[in-house]
PDB file of all heavy atoms in Angstrom:
ATOM      1  N   SER A   1     115.643  99.124 102.338  1.00  0.00           N
ATOM      2  CA  SER A   1     116.295  98.078 101.509  1.00  0.00           C
ATOM      3  C   SER A   1     117.345  98.673 100.575  1.00  0.00           C
ATOM      4  O   SER A   1     118.380  98.045 100.323  1.00  0.00           O
ATOM      5  CB  SER A   1     115.266  97.297 100.753  1.00  0.00           C
ATOM      6  OG  SER A   1     115.877  96.348  99.917  1.00  0.00           O
ATOM      7  N   ILE A   2     117.102  99.858 100.045  1.00  0.00           N
ATOM      8  CA  ILE A   2     118.052 100.458  99.105  1.00  0.00           C
ATOM      9  C   ILE A   2     119.392 100.642  99.761  1.00  0.00           C
ATOM     10  O   ILE A   2     120.426 100.122  99.329  1.00  0.00           O
ATOM     11  CB  ILE A   2     117.536 101.784  98.537  1.00  0.00           C
ATOM     12  CG1 ILE A   2     116.196 101.559  97.790  1.00  0.00           C
ATOM     13  CG2 ILE A   2     118.573 102.413  97.609  1.00  0.00           C
ATOM     14  CD1 ILE A   2     115.459 102.860  97.434  1.00  0.00           C
ATOM     15  N   ALA A   3     119.432 101.415 100.883  1.00  0.00           N
ATOM     16  CA  ALA A   3     120.692 101.674 101.547  1.00  0.00           C
ATOM     17  C   ALA A   3     121.297 100.436 102.145  1.00  0.00           C
ATOM     18  O   ALA A   3     122.526 100.223 102.090  1.00  0.00           O
ATOM     19  CB  ALA A   3     120.457 102.735 102.641  1.00  0.00           C
ATOM     20  N   SER A   4     120.483  99.589 102.707  1.00  0.00           N
ATOM     21  CA  SER A   4     120.998  98.358 103.333  1.00  0.00           C
ATOM     22  C   SER A   4     121.681  97.434 102.337  1.00  0.00           C
ATOM     23  O   SER A   4     122.753  96.880 102.648  1.00  0.00           O
ATOM     24  CB  SER A   4     119.841  97.614 104.025  1.00  0.00           C
ATOM     25  OG  SER A   4     119.246  98.385 105.021  1.00  0.00           O
ATOM     26  N   ASN A   5     121.115  97.283 101.173  1.00  0.00           N
ATOM     27  CA  ASN A   5     121.715  96.405 100.178  1.00  0.00           C
ATOM     28  C   ASN A   5     122.961  97.010  99.541  1.00  0.00           C
ATOM     29  O   ASN A   5     123.873  96.300  99.186  1.00  0.00           O
ATOM     30  CB  ASN A   5     120.685  96.003  99.099  1.00  0.00           C
ATOM     31  CG  ASN A   5     119.820  94.887  99.566  1.00  0.00           C
ATOM     32  OD1 ASN A   5     120.290  93.743  99.772  1.00  0.00           O
ATOM     33  ND2 ASN A   5     118.558  95.191  99.797  1.00  0.00           N
ATOM     34  N   ILE A   6     123.031  98.330  99.485  1.00  0.00           N
ATOM     35  CA  ILE A   6     124.277  98.951  99.033  1.00  0.00           C
ATOM     36  C   ILE A   6     125.395  98.663 100.053  1.00  0.00           C
ATOM     37  O   ILE A   6     126.499  98.275  99.640  1.00  0.00           O
ATOM     38  CB  ILE A   6     124.091 100.487  98.856  1.00  0.00           C
ATOM     39  CG1 ILE A   6     123.150 100.775  97.683  1.00  0.00           C
ATOM     40  CG2 ILE A   6     125.453 101.177  98.649  1.00  0.00           C
ATOM     41  CD1 ILE A   6     122.698 102.230  97.655  1.00  0.00           C
ATOM     42  N   ALA A   7     125.089  98.801 101.323  1.00  0.00           N
ATOM     43  CA  ALA A   7     126.081  98.526 102.364  1.00  0.00           C
ATOM     44  C   ALA A   7     126.513  97.074 102.330  1.00  0.00           C
ATOM     45  O   ALA A   7     127.706  96.760 102.345  1.00  0.00           O
ATOM     46  CB  ALA A   7     125.501  98.893 103.730  1.00  0.00           C
ATOM     47  N   GLU A   8     125.546  96.167 102.229  1.00  0.00           N
ATOM     48  CA  GLU A   8     125.871  94.763 102.218  1.00  0.00           C
ATOM     49  C   GLU A   8     126.662  94.382 100.972  1.00  0.00           C
ATOM     50  O   GLU A   8     127.630  93.616 101.048  1.00  0.00           O
ATOM     51  CB  GLU A   8     124.584  93.922 102.310  1.00  0.00           C
ATOM     52  CG  GLU A   8     124.871  92.466 102.535  1.00  0.00           C
ATOM     53  CD  GLU A   8     123.617  91.692 102.937  1.00  0.00           C
ATOM     54  OE1 GLU A   8     122.485  92.274 103.011  1.00  0.00           O
ATOM     55  OE2 GLU A   8     123.742  90.459 103.164  1.00  0.00           O
ATOM     56  N   GLY A   9     126.275  94.958  99.849  1.00  0.00           N
ATOM     57  CA  GLY A   9     127.024  94.628  98.641  1.00  0.00           C
ATOM     58  C   GLY A   9     128.437  95.138  98.662  1.00  0.00           C
ATOM     59  O   GLY A   9     129.362  94.462  98.202  1.00  0.00           O
ATOM     60  N   ASP A  10     128.651  96.349  99.194  1.00  0.00           N
ATOM     61  CA  ASP A  10     129.974  96.894  99.242  1.00  0.00           C
ATOM     62  C   ASP A  10     130.875  96.150 100.234  1.00  0.00           C
ATOM     63  O   ASP A  10     132.058  96.061 100.012  1.00  0.00           O
ATOM     64  CB  ASP A  10     129.947  98.379  99.602  1.00  0.00           C
ATOM     65  CG  ASP A  10     131.199  99.099  99.277  1.00  0.00           C
ATOM     66  OD1 ASP A  10     131.642  99.020  98.101  1.00  0.00           O
ATOM     67  OD2 ASP A  10     131.812  99.673 100.189  1.00  0.00           O
ATOM     68  N   GLU A  11     130.280  95.572 101.232  1.00  0.00           N
ATOM     69  CA  GLU A  11     131.031  94.839 102.231  1.00  0.00           C
ATOM     70  C   GLU A  11     131.113  93.365 101.955  1.00  0.00           C
ATOM     71  O   GLU A  11     131.716  92.634 102.718  1.00  0.00           O
ATOM     72  CB  GLU A  11     130.423  95.062 103.633  1.00  0.00           C
ATOM     73  CG  GLU A  11     130.514  96.479 104.150  1.00  0.00           C
ATOM     74  CD  GLU A  11     131.934  96.860 104.560  1.00  0.00           C
ATOM     75  OE1 GLU A  11     132.671  96.030 105.100  1.00  0.00           O
ATOM     76  OE2 GLU A  11     132.301  98.040 104.249  1.00  0.00           O
ATOM     77  N   SER A  12     130.537  92.937 100.837  1.00  0.00           N
ATOM     78  CA  SER A  12     130.449  91.477 100.586  1.00  0.00           C
ATOM     79  C   SER A  12     131.774  90.809 100.289  1.00  0.00           C
ATOM     80  O   SER A  12     131.917  89.624 100.414  1.00  0.00           O
ATOM     81  CB  SER A  12     129.492  91.236  99.405  1.00  0.00           C
ATOM     82  OG  SER A  12     130.059  91.729  98.208  1.00  0.00           O
ATOM     83  N   GLY A  13     132.757  91.591  99.843  1.00  0.00           N
ATOM     84  CA  GLY A  13     134.088  91.026  99.587  1.00  0.00           C
ATOM     85  C   GLY A  13     134.304  90.547  98.129  1.00  0.00           C
ATOM     86  O   GLY A  13     135.365  90.139  97.793  1.00  0.00           O
ATOM     87  N   SER A  14     133.257  90.639  97.295  1.00  0.00           N
ATOM     88  CA  SER A  14     133.500  90.261  95.895  1.00  0.00           C
ATOM     89  C   SER A  14     132.612  91.141  95.021  1.00  0.00           C
ATOM     90  O   SER A  14     131.510  91.560  95.376  1.00  0.00           O
ATOM     91  CB  SER A  14     133.129  88.818  95.651  1.00  0.00           C
ATOM     92  OG  SER A  14     131.746  88.600  95.474  1.00  0.00           O
ATOM     93  N   ASN A  15     133.156  91.460  93.845  1.00  0.00           N
ATOM     94  CA  ASN A  15     132.396  92.276  92.881  1.00  0.00           C
ATOM     95  C   ASN A  15     131.143  91.601  92.431  1.00  0.00           C
ATOM     96  O   ASN A  15     130.080  92.197  92.277  1.00  0.00           O
ATOM     97  CB  ASN A  15     133.242  92.671  91.686  1.00  0.00           C
ATOM     98  CG  ASN A  15     134.151  93.852  91.987  1.00  0.00           C
ATOM     99  OD1 ASN A  15     133.863  94.672  92.853  1.00  0.00           O
ATOM    100  ND2 ASN A  15     135.280  93.939  91.309  1.00  0.00           N
ATOM    101  N   LYS A  16     131.224  90.258  92.177  1.00  0.00           N
ATOM    102  CA  LYS A  16     130.037  89.532  91.703  1.00  0.00           C
ATOM    103  C   LYS A  16     128.929  89.605  92.716  1.00  0.00           C
ATOM    104  O   LYS A  16     127.730  89.887  92.363  1.00  0.00           O
ATOM    105  CB  LYS A  16     130.426  88.059  91.413  1.00  0.00           C
ATOM    106  CG  LYS A  16     129.282  87.246  90.872  1.00  0.00           C
ATOM    107  CD  LYS A  16     129.738  85.873  90.520  1.00  0.00           C
ATOM    108  CE  LYS A  16     128.566  85.067  89.930  1.00  0.00           C
ATOM    109  NZ  LYS A  16     128.916  83.731  89.562  1.00  0.00           N
ATOM    110  N   LEU A  17     129.201  89.333  93.971  1.00  0.00           N
ATOM    111  CA  LEU A  17     128.170  89.418  95.015  1.00  0.00           C
ATOM    112  C   LEU A  17     127.713  90.827  95.233  1.00  0.00           C
ATOM    113  O   LEU A  17     126.541  91.100  95.402  1.00  0.00           O
ATOM    114  CB  LEU A  17     128.703  88.791  96.292  1.00  0.00           C
ATOM    115  CG  LEU A  17     127.678  88.516  97.392  1.00  0.00           C
ATOM    116  CD1 LEU A  17     126.526  87.669  96.898  1.00  0.00           C
ATOM    117  CD2 LEU A  17     128.406  87.830  98.573  1.00  0.00           C
ATOM    118  N   GLY A  18     128.655  91.769  95.200  1.00  0.00           N
ATOM    119  CA  GLY A  18     128.319  93.165  95.353  1.00  0.00           C
ATOM    120  C   GLY A  18     127.329  93.636  94.296  1.00  0.00           C
ATOM    121  O   GLY A  18     126.353  94.305  94.589  1.00  0.00           O
ATOM    122  N   ILE A  19     127.591  93.253  93.067  1.00  0.00           N
ATOM    123  CA  ILE A  19     126.715  93.627  91.967  1.00  0.00           C
ATOM    124  C   ILE A  19     125.318  93.071  92.162  1.00  0.00           C
ATOM    125  O   ILE A  19     124.293  93.738  91.918  1.00  0.00           O
ATOM    126  CB  ILE A  19     127.322  93.160  90.601  1.00  0.00           C
ATOM    127  CG1 ILE A  19     128.575  94.028  90.281  1.00  0.00           C
ATOM    128  CG2 ILE A  19     126.275  93.212  89.481  1.00  0.00           C
ATOM    129  CD1 ILE A  19     129.416  93.466  89.153  1.00  0.00           C
ATOM    130  N   ARG A  20     125.244  91.859  92.690  1.00  0.00           N
ATOM    131  CA  ARG A  20     123.932  91.255  92.974  1.00  0.00           C
ATOM    132  C   ARG A  20     123.135  92.145  93.955  1.00  0.00           C
ATOM    133  O   ARG A  20     121.961  92.434  93.730  1.00  0.00           O
ATOM    134  CB  ARG A  20     124.111  89.822  93.543  1.00  0.00           C
ATOM    135  CG  ARG A  20     122.815  89.148  93.858  1.00  0.00           C
ATOM    136  CD  ARG A  20     123.060  87.689  94.300  1.00  0.00           C
ATOM    137  NE  ARG A  20     121.881  87.145  94.872  1.00  0.00           N
ATOM    138  CZ  ARG A  20     121.586  87.123  96.172  1.00  0.00           C
ATOM    139  NH1 ARG A  20     122.411  87.647  97.018  1.00  0.00           N
ATOM    140  NH2 ARG A  20     120.437  86.615  96.605  1.00  0.00           N
ATOM    141  N   PHE A  21     123.798  92.552  95.017  1.00  0.00           N
ATOM    142  CA  PHE A  21     123.144  93.393  96.033  1.00  0.00           C
ATOM    143  C   PHE A  21     122.813  94.794  95.429  1.00  0.00           C
ATOM    144  O   PHE A  21     121.757  95.341  95.770  1.00  0.00           O
ATOM    145  CB  PHE A  21     123.999  93.554  97.295  1.00  0.00           C
ATOM    146  CG  PHE A  21     123.938  92.352  98.161  1.00  0.00           C
ATOM    147  CD1 PHE A  21     125.026  91.489  98.240  1.00  0.00           C
ATOM    148  CD2 PHE A  21     122.821  92.092  98.943  1.00  0.00           C
ATOM    149  CE1 PHE A  21     124.987  90.366  99.065  1.00  0.00           C
ATOM    150  CE2 PHE A  21     122.780  90.973  99.763  1.00  0.00           C
ATOM    151  CZ  PHE A  21     123.862  90.139  99.818  1.00  0.00           C
ATOM    152  N   PHE A  22     123.662  95.323  94.580  1.00  0.00           N
ATOM    153  CA  PHE A  22     123.353  96.637  93.970  1.00  0.00           C
ATOM    154  C   PHE A  22     122.165  96.530  93.079  1.00  0.00           C
ATOM    155  O   PHE A  22     121.336  97.428  93.002  1.00  0.00           O
ATOM    156  CB  PHE A  22     124.568  97.147  93.223  1.00  0.00           C
ATOM    157  CG  PHE A  22     125.794  97.352  94.055  1.00  0.00           C
ATOM    158  CD1 PHE A  22     127.081  97.248  93.517  1.00  0.00           C
ATOM    159  CD2 PHE A  22     125.718  97.682  95.417  1.00  0.00           C
ATOM    160  CE1 PHE A  22     128.226  97.400  94.276  1.00  0.00           C
ATOM    161  CE2 PHE A  22     126.855  97.838  96.196  1.00  0.00           C
ATOM    162  CZ  PHE A  22     128.097  97.709  95.625  1.00  0.00           C
ATOM    163  N   ASN A  23     122.005  95.399  92.383  1.00  0.00           N
ATOM    164  CA  ASN A  23     120.841  95.179  91.567  1.00  0.00           C
ATOM    165  C   ASN A  23     119.571  95.052  92.414  1.00  0.00           C
ATOM    166  O   ASN A  23     118.505  95.529  92.037  1.00  0.00           O
ATOM    167  CB  ASN A  23     121.016  93.984  90.656  1.00  0.00           C
ATOM    168  CG  ASN A  23     121.742  94.313  89.392  1.00  0.00           C
ATOM    169  OD1 ASN A  23     121.400  95.263  88.676  1.00  0.00           O
ATOM    170  ND2 ASN A  23     122.734  93.559  89.076  1.00  0.00           N
ATOM    171  N   ILE A  24     119.669  94.461  93.547  1.00  0.00           N
ATOM    172  CA  ILE A  24     118.540  94.390  94.495  1.00  0.00           C
ATOM    173  C   ILE A  24     118.175  95.770  94.907  1.00  0.00           C
ATOM    174  O   ILE A  24     116.979  96.137  95.010  1.00  0.00           O
ATOM    175  CB  ILE A  24     118.857  93.477  95.684  1.00  0.00           C
ATOM    176  CG1 ILE A  24     119.000  92.019  95.250  1.00  0.00           C
ATOM    177  CG2 ILE A  24     117.798  93.624  96.815  1.00  0.00           C
ATOM    178  CD1 ILE A  24     119.559  91.072  96.288  1.00  0.00           C
ATOM    179  N   SER A  25     119.168  96.622  95.186  1.00  0.00           N
ATOM    180  CA  SER A  25     118.912  98.024  95.545  1.00  0.00           C
ATOM    181  C   SER A  25     118.150  98.767  94.442  1.00  0.00           C
ATOM    182  O   SER A  25     117.238  99.527  94.682  1.00  0.00           O
ATOM    183  CB  SER A  25     120.222  98.756  95.876  1.00  0.00           C
ATOM    184  OG  SER A  25     120.783  98.303  97.061  1.00  0.00           O
ATOM    185  N   LYS A  26     118.603  98.519  93.198  1.00  0.00           N
ATOM    186  CA  LYS A  26     117.898  99.109  92.054  1.00  0.00           C
ATOM    187  C   LYS A  26     116.438  98.680  92.018  1.00  0.00           C
ATOM    188  O   LYS A  26     115.536  99.467  91.770  1.00  0.00           O
ATOM    189  CB  LYS A  26     118.579  98.776  90.725  1.00  0.00           C
ATOM    190  CG  LYS A  26     119.739  99.691  90.377  1.00  0.00           C
ATOM    191  CD  LYS A  26     120.291  99.359  89.010  1.00  0.00           C
ATOM    192  CE  LYS A  26     119.357  99.416  87.900  1.00  0.00           C
ATOM    193  NZ  LYS A  26     119.089 100.710  87.284  1.00  0.00           N
ATOM    194  N   GLY A  27     116.217  97.420  92.259  1.00  0.00           N
ATOM    195  CA  GLY A  27     114.823  96.939  92.301  1.00  0.00           C
ATOM    196  C   GLY A  27     114.027  97.556  93.428  1.00  0.00           C
ATOM    197  O   GLY A  27     112.854  97.902  93.234  1.00  0.00           O
ATOM    198  N   SER A  28     114.647  97.731  94.547  1.00  0.00           N
ATOM    199  CA  SER A  28     113.960  98.391  95.675  1.00  0.00           C
ATOM    200  C   SER A  28     113.654  99.834  95.373  1.00  0.00           C
ATOM    201  O   SER A  28     112.625 100.384  95.776  1.00  0.00           O
ATOM    202  CB  SER A  28     114.806  98.300  96.963  1.00  0.00           C
ATOM    203  OG  SER A  28     114.918  96.961  97.380  1.00  0.00           O
ATOM    204  N   SER A  29     114.542 100.484  94.605  1.00  0.00           N
ATOM    205  CA  SER A  29     114.339 101.872  94.212  1.00  0.00           C
ATOM    206  C   SER A  29     113.124 101.924  93.273  1.00  0.00           C
ATOM    207  O   SER A  29     112.273 102.861  93.414  1.00  0.00           O
ATOM    208  CB  SER A  29     115.556 102.416  93.498  1.00  0.00           C
ATOM    209  OG  SER A  29     115.380 103.747  93.108  1.00  0.00           O
ATOM    210  N   ALA A  30     112.959 100.998  92.352  1.00  0.00           N
ATOM    211  CA  ALA A  30     111.810 100.998  91.452  1.00  0.00           C
ATOM    212  C   ALA A  30     110.548 100.686  92.253  1.00  0.00           C
ATOM    213  O   ALA A  30     109.485 101.256  91.968  1.00  0.00           O
ATOM    214  CB  ALA A  30     112.035  99.943  90.378  1.00  0.00           C
ATOM    215  N   GLU A  31     110.660  99.805  93.224  1.00  0.00           N
ATOM    216  CA  GLU A  31     109.507  99.491  94.073  1.00  0.00           C
ATOM    217  C   GLU A  31     109.074 100.728  94.838  1.00  0.00           C
ATOM    218  O   GLU A  31     107.875 101.056  94.889  1.00  0.00           O
ATOM    219  CB  GLU A  31     109.932  98.376  95.037  1.00  0.00           C
ATOM    220  CG  GLU A  31     108.835  97.872  95.936  1.00  0.00           C
ATOM    221  CD  GLU A  31     109.315  96.736  96.839  1.00  0.00           C
ATOM    222  OE1 GLU A  31     110.503  96.423  96.877  1.00  0.00           O
ATOM    223  OE2 GLU A  31     108.477  96.232  97.561  1.00  0.00           O
ATOM    224  N   LEU A  32     110.023 101.466  95.404  1.00  0.00           N
ATOM    225  CA  LEU A  32     109.726 102.674  96.143  1.00  0.00           C
ATOM    226  C   LEU A  32     109.116 103.708  95.240  1.00  0.00           C
ATOM    227  O   LEU A  32     108.136 104.388  95.626  1.00  0.00           O
ATOM    228  CB  LEU A  32     110.991 103.210  96.824  1.00  0.00           C
ATOM    229  CG  LEU A  32     110.815 104.509  97.631  1.00  0.00           C
ATOM    230  CD1 LEU A  32     109.802 104.300  98.761  1.00  0.00           C
ATOM    231  CD2 LEU A  32     112.175 104.936  98.202  1.00  0.00           C
ATOM    232  N   TYR A  33     109.619 103.887  94.036  1.00  0.00           N
ATOM    233  CA  TYR A  33     109.082 104.802  93.040  1.00  0.00           C
ATOM    234  C   TYR A  33     107.596 104.520  92.819  1.00  0.00           C
ATOM    235  O   TYR A  33     106.796 105.427  92.867  1.00  0.00           O
ATOM    236  CB  TYR A  33     109.866 104.682  91.749  1.00  0.00           C
ATOM    237  CG  TYR A  33     109.566 105.724  90.702  1.00  0.00           C
ATOM    238  CD1 TYR A  33     110.375 106.858  90.553  1.00  0.00           C
ATOM    239  CD2 TYR A  33     108.466 105.575  89.865  1.00  0.00           C
ATOM    240  CE1 TYR A  33     110.121 107.801  89.579  1.00  0.00           C
ATOM    241  CE2 TYR A  33     108.198 106.541  88.899  1.00  0.00           C
ATOM    242  CZ  TYR A  33     109.007 107.646  88.778  1.00  0.00           C
ATOM    243  OH  TYR A  33     108.690 108.609  87.819  1.00  0.00           O
ATOM    244  N   THR A  34     107.302 103.268  92.616  1.00  0.00           N
ATOM    245  CA  THR A  34     105.901 102.839  92.380  1.00  0.00           C
ATOM    246  C   THR A  34     105.004 103.162  93.590  1.00  0.00           C
ATOM    247  O   THR A  34     103.906 103.715  93.414  1.00  0.00           O
ATOM    248  CB  THR A  34     105.843 101.359  92.067  1.00  0.00           C
ATOM    249  OG1 THR A  34     106.665 101.099  90.935  1.00  0.00           O
ATOM    250  CG2 THR A  34     104.434 100.866  91.834  1.00  0.00           C
ATOM    251  N   GLN A  35     105.494 102.858  94.777  1.00  0.00           N
ATOM    252  CA  GLN A  35     104.726 103.135  95.993  1.00  0.00           C
ATOM    253  C   GLN A  35     104.474 104.586  96.245  1.00  0.00           C
ATOM    254  O   GLN A  35     103.429 105.010  96.692  1.00  0.00           O
ATOM    255  CB  GLN A  35     105.391 102.441  97.174  1.00  0.00           C
ATOM    256  CG  GLN A  35     105.428 100.941  97.046  1.00  0.00           C
ATOM    257  CD  GLN A  35     106.490 100.274  97.837  1.00  0.00           C
ATOM    258  OE1 GLN A  35     107.351 100.919  98.477  1.00  0.00           O
ATOM    259  NE2 GLN A  35     106.529  98.948  97.811  1.00  0.00           N
ATOM    260  N   ILE A  36     105.491 105.416  95.923  1.00  0.00           N
ATOM    261  CA  ILE A  36     105.335 106.848  96.060  1.00  0.00           C
ATOM    262  C   ILE A  36     104.254 107.384  95.117  1.00  0.00           C
ATOM    263  O   ILE A  36     103.428 108.198  95.513  1.00  0.00           O
ATOM    264  CB  ILE A  36     106.699 107.568  95.803  1.00  0.00           C
ATOM    265  CG1 ILE A  36     107.681 107.256  96.944  1.00  0.00           C
ATOM    266  CG2 ILE A  36     106.471 109.082  95.633  1.00  0.00           C
ATOM    267  CD1 ILE A  36     109.107 107.603  96.607  1.00  0.00           C
ATOM    268  N   LEU A  37     104.269 106.877  93.868  1.00  0.00           N
ATOM    269  CA  LEU A  37     103.216 107.295  92.939  1.00  0.00           C
ATOM    270  C   LEU A  37     101.818 106.903  93.433  1.00  0.00           C
ATOM    271  O   LEU A  37     100.887 107.679  93.347  1.00  0.00           O
ATOM    272  CB  LEU A  37     103.465 106.645  91.535  1.00  0.00           C
ATOM    273  CG  LEU A  37     104.446 107.348  90.630  1.00  0.00           C
ATOM    274  CD1 LEU A  37     104.627 106.542  89.335  1.00  0.00           C
ATOM    275  CD2 LEU A  37     104.001 108.788  90.300  1.00  0.00           C
TER     276      LEU A  37
END
């Protein structure tokens, strides 16, 4: 989800939508951090 949402956000065509996907990536990163622990 992290890499996929970065790709989708960057290709979305707008900064507003891109930022939304980048925030989803950040959330997935926190989720992964928790699962690794």
